[in-house]
Amino acid sequence: MFFPAGTPQAMVSKLNGEIRSALSTPEIRAFYPREALEPVASSPAELSTKLRQDTEKYARVIRAANIRIQ
């Protein structure tokens, strides 16, 4: 999940806890595989790190393949 810049940290933490709880329910655990999704219950800091790593990774792929916006 992403929240607007400036969202109070207390709200981010509360929502993160609620999301993590929801991801552990049987209904949600059954739903995701049916939709070919793989949920990851992580912290905001872990998501930030993963997003940064993925951005760097795909930027290298785009440059290496010389992909251009048309």
N, C-alpha and C. Protein backbone atom coordinates (compact mmCIF):
# COMPACT_ATOMS: atom_id res chain seq x y z
N MET A 1 0.83 -1.17 0.00
CA MET A 1 0.00 0.00 0.00
C MET A 1 0.88 1.24 0.00
N PHE A 2 0.39 2.24 -0.63
CA PHE A 2 1.07 3.53 -0.65
C PHE A 2 0.12 4.57 -0.08
N PHE A 3 0.69 5.53 0.62
CA PHE A 3 -0.08 6.62 1.20
C PHE A 3 0.48 7.94 0.70
N PRO A 4 -0.34 8.98 0.68
CA PRO A 4 0.15 10.28 0.22
C PRO A 4 1.32 10.77 1.08
N ALA A 5 2.23 11.49 0.44
CA ALA A 5 3.33 12.11 1.19
C ALA A 5 2.74 12.95 2.30
N GLY A 6 3.37 12.91 3.44
CA GLY A 6 2.92 13.71 4.57
C GLY A 6 1.90 13.01 5.46
N THR A 7 1.52 11.77 5.11
CA THR A 7 0.62 11.04 5.99
C THR A 7 1.31 10.84 7.33
N PRO A 8 0.66 11.17 8.43
CA PRO A 8 1.31 11.03 9.73
C PRO A 8 1.80 9.59 9.97
N GLN A 9 2.99 9.47 10.55
CA GLN A 9 3.60 8.16 10.79
C GLN A 9 2.70 7.28 11.64
N ALA A 10 1.99 7.85 12.60
CA ALA A 10 1.10 7.06 13.45
C ALA A 10 0.01 6.40 12.60
N MET A 11 -0.51 7.13 11.61
CA MET A 11 -1.53 6.59 10.73
C MET A 11 -0.96 5.50 9.83
N VAL A 12 0.24 5.72 9.30
CA VAL A 12 0.90 4.71 8.46
C VAL A 12 1.11 3.44 9.27
N SER A 13 1.58 3.56 10.49
CA SER A 13 1.82 2.39 11.34
C SER A 13 0.52 1.65 11.64
N LYS A 14 -0.52 2.41 11.96
CA LYS A 14 -1.81 1.78 12.27
C LYS A 14 -2.36 1.04 11.05
N LEU A 15 -2.34 1.68 9.90
CA LEU A 15 -2.84 1.04 8.69
C LEU A 15 -1.98 -0.16 8.30
N ASN A 16 -0.68 -0.06 8.47
CA ASN A 16 0.21 -1.19 8.18
C ASN A 16 -0.15 -2.38 9.05
N GLY A 17 -0.41 -2.14 10.32
CA GLY A 17 -0.82 -3.22 11.22
C GLY A 17 -2.12 -3.86 10.80
N GLU A 18 -3.08 -3.04 10.40
CA GLU A 18 -4.38 -3.56 9.96
C GLU A 18 -4.24 -4.37 8.67
N ILE A 19 -3.43 -3.88 7.76
CA ILE A 19 -3.21 -4.59 6.49
C ILE A 19 -2.54 -5.93 6.75
N ARG A 20 -1.52 -5.92 7.60
CA ARG A 20 -0.83 -7.17 7.93
C ARG A 20 -1.79 -8.17 8.57
N SER A 21 -2.68 -7.69 9.43
CA SER A 21 -3.68 -8.57 10.04
C SER A 21 -4.61 -9.14 8.99
N ALA A 22 -5.07 -8.29 8.09
CA ALA A 22 -5.98 -8.75 7.03
C ALA A 22 -5.31 -9.80 6.14
N LEU A 23 -4.04 -9.61 5.84
CA LEU A 23 -3.34 -10.56 4.97
C LEU A 23 -3.21 -11.94 5.59
N SER A 24 -3.37 -12.03 6.90
CA SER A 24 -3.23 -13.32 7.56
C SER A 24 -4.57 -14.06 7.71
N THR A 25 -5.68 -13.44 7.28
CA THR A 25 -6.98 -14.11 7.41
C THR A 25 -7.13 -15.19 6.35
N PRO A 26 -7.87 -16.25 6.67
CA PRO A 26 -8.06 -17.34 5.69
C PRO A 26 -8.67 -16.86 4.38
N GLU A 27 -9.60 -15.92 4.45
CA GLU A 27 -10.26 -15.44 3.23
C GLU A 27 -9.26 -14.77 2.29
N ILE A 28 -8.43 -13.92 2.84
CA ILE A 28 -7.44 -13.21 2.02
C ILE A 28 -6.37 -14.17 1.54
N ARG A 29 -5.92 -15.05 2.42
CA ARG A 29 -4.89 -16.03 2.04
C ARG A 29 -5.38 -16.91 0.89
N ALA A 30 -6.68 -17.19 0.83
CA ALA A 30 -7.25 -18.00 -0.26
C ALA A 30 -7.46 -17.17 -1.53
N PHE A 31 -7.78 -15.89 -1.37
CA PHE A 31 -8.07 -15.02 -2.50
C PHE A 31 -6.86 -14.78 -3.39
N TYR A 32 -5.75 -14.43 -2.81
CA TYR A 32 -4.58 -14.02 -3.59
C TYR A 32 -4.09 -15.07 -4.59
N PRO A 33 -3.93 -16.32 -4.19
CA PRO A 33 -3.48 -17.31 -5.19
C PRO A 33 -4.45 -17.47 -6.36
N ARG A 34 -5.75 -17.35 -6.09
CA ARG A 34 -6.74 -17.44 -7.18
C ARG A 34 -6.56 -16.32 -8.19
N GLU A 35 -6.05 -15.19 -7.74
CA GLU A 35 -5.84 -14.03 -8.61
C GLU A 35 -4.41 -13.92 -9.10
N ALA A 36 -3.62 -14.97 -8.86
CA ALA A 36 -2.21 -15.03 -9.27
C ALA A 36 -1.40 -13.90 -8.62
N LEU A 37 -1.72 -13.59 -7.38
CA LEU A 37 -1.02 -12.55 -6.63
C LEU A 37 -0.27 -13.19 -5.47
N GLU A 38 0.77 -12.53 -5.04
CA GLU A 38 1.54 -13.01 -3.91
C GLU A 38 1.73 -11.85 -2.92
N PRO A 39 0.87 -11.79 -1.90
CA PRO A 39 0.99 -10.68 -0.95
C PRO A 39 2.24 -10.81 -0.11
N VAL A 40 2.80 -9.68 0.24
CA VAL A 40 3.96 -9.63 1.11
C VAL A 40 3.65 -8.67 2.25
N ALA A 41 3.62 -9.19 3.44
CA ALA A 41 3.36 -8.35 4.61
C ALA A 41 4.71 -7.84 5.12
N SER A 42 4.99 -6.59 4.81
CA SER A 42 6.27 -6.01 5.20
C SER A 42 6.03 -4.69 5.91
N SER A 43 7.11 -4.07 6.31
CA SER A 43 7.02 -2.76 6.95
C SER A 43 7.14 -1.67 5.90
N PRO A 44 6.76 -0.44 6.24
CA PRO A 44 6.96 0.66 5.29
C PRO A 44 8.43 0.81 4.86
N ALA A 45 9.35 0.59 5.76
CA ALA A 45 10.77 0.70 5.42
C ALA A 45 11.18 -0.40 4.44
N GLU A 46 10.68 -1.62 4.64
CA GLU A 46 10.98 -2.71 3.72
C GLU A 46 10.40 -2.45 2.34
N LEU A 47 9.19 -1.91 2.29
CA LEU A 47 8.57 -1.58 1.00
C LEU A 47 9.38 -0.50 0.29
N SER A 48 9.83 0.49 1.02
CA SER A 48 10.64 1.56 0.43
C SER A 48 11.93 1.01 -0.16
N THR A 49 12.58 0.12 0.57
CA THR A 49 13.82 -0.50 0.09
C THR A 49 13.55 -1.32 -1.17
N LYS A 50 12.49 -2.13 -1.15
CA LYS A 50 12.15 -2.97 -2.31
C LYS A 50 11.82 -2.11 -3.53
N LEU A 51 11.07 -1.05 -3.33
CA LEU A 51 10.72 -0.16 -4.44
C LEU A 51 11.97 0.48 -5.04
N ARG A 52 12.88 0.93 -4.19
CA ARG A 52 14.12 1.54 -4.67
C ARG A 52 14.95 0.50 -5.45
N GLN A 53 15.06 -0.73 -4.91
CA GLN A 53 15.82 -1.77 -5.60
C GLN A 53 15.19 -2.12 -6.95
N ASP A 54 13.88 -2.25 -6.98
CA ASP A 54 13.20 -2.58 -8.24
C ASP A 54 13.34 -1.46 -9.25
N THR A 55 13.25 -0.22 -8.81
CA THR A 55 13.41 0.92 -9.72
C THR A 55 14.80 0.91 -10.34
N GLU A 56 15.81 0.69 -9.53
CA GLU A 56 17.18 0.63 -10.04
C GLU A 56 17.35 -0.55 -11.00
N LYS A 57 16.80 -1.69 -10.65
CA LYS A 57 16.90 -2.89 -11.48
C LYS A 57 16.28 -2.67 -12.86
N TYR A 58 15.04 -2.16 -12.87
CA TYR A 58 14.35 -1.99 -14.16
C TYR A 58 14.90 -0.81 -14.95
N ALA A 59 15.47 0.16 -14.29
CA ALA A 59 16.13 1.25 -15.00
C ALA A 59 17.33 0.69 -15.78
N ARG A 60 18.07 -0.23 -15.16
CA ARG A 60 19.20 -0.86 -15.87
C ARG A 60 18.71 -1.66 -17.07
N VAL A 61 17.62 -2.40 -16.89
CA VAL A 61 17.06 -3.20 -17.99
C VAL A 61 16.62 -2.28 -19.13
N ILE A 62 15.94 -1.21 -18.80
CA ILE A 62 15.46 -0.27 -19.81
C ILE A 62 16.63 0.35 -20.57
N ARG A 63 17.67 0.76 -19.85
CA ARG A 63 18.85 1.33 -20.52
C ARG A 63 19.56 0.29 -21.39
N ALA A 64 19.73 -0.91 -20.87
CA ALA A 64 20.43 -1.96 -21.60
C ALA A 64 19.68 -2.34 -22.88
N ALA A 65 18.35 -2.34 -22.82
CA ALA A 65 17.54 -2.70 -23.98
C ALA A 65 17.24 -1.49 -24.86
N ASN A 66 17.71 -0.33 -24.44
CA ASN A 66 17.49 0.90 -25.19
C ASN A 66 15.99 1.13 -25.46
N ILE A 67 15.18 0.91 -24.42
CA ILE A 67 13.73 1.09 -24.55
C ILE A 67 13.39 2.57 -24.48
N ARG A 68 12.59 3.02 -25.41
CA ARG A 68 12.20 4.42 -25.50
C ARG A 68 10.68 4.56 -25.44
N ILE A 69 10.21 5.64 -24.87
CA ILE A 69 8.78 5.94 -24.85
C ILE A 69 8.40 6.43 -26.24
N GLN A 70 7.30 5.91 -26.75
CA GLN A 70 6.87 6.32 -28.09
C GLN A 70 5.63 7.16 -28.04
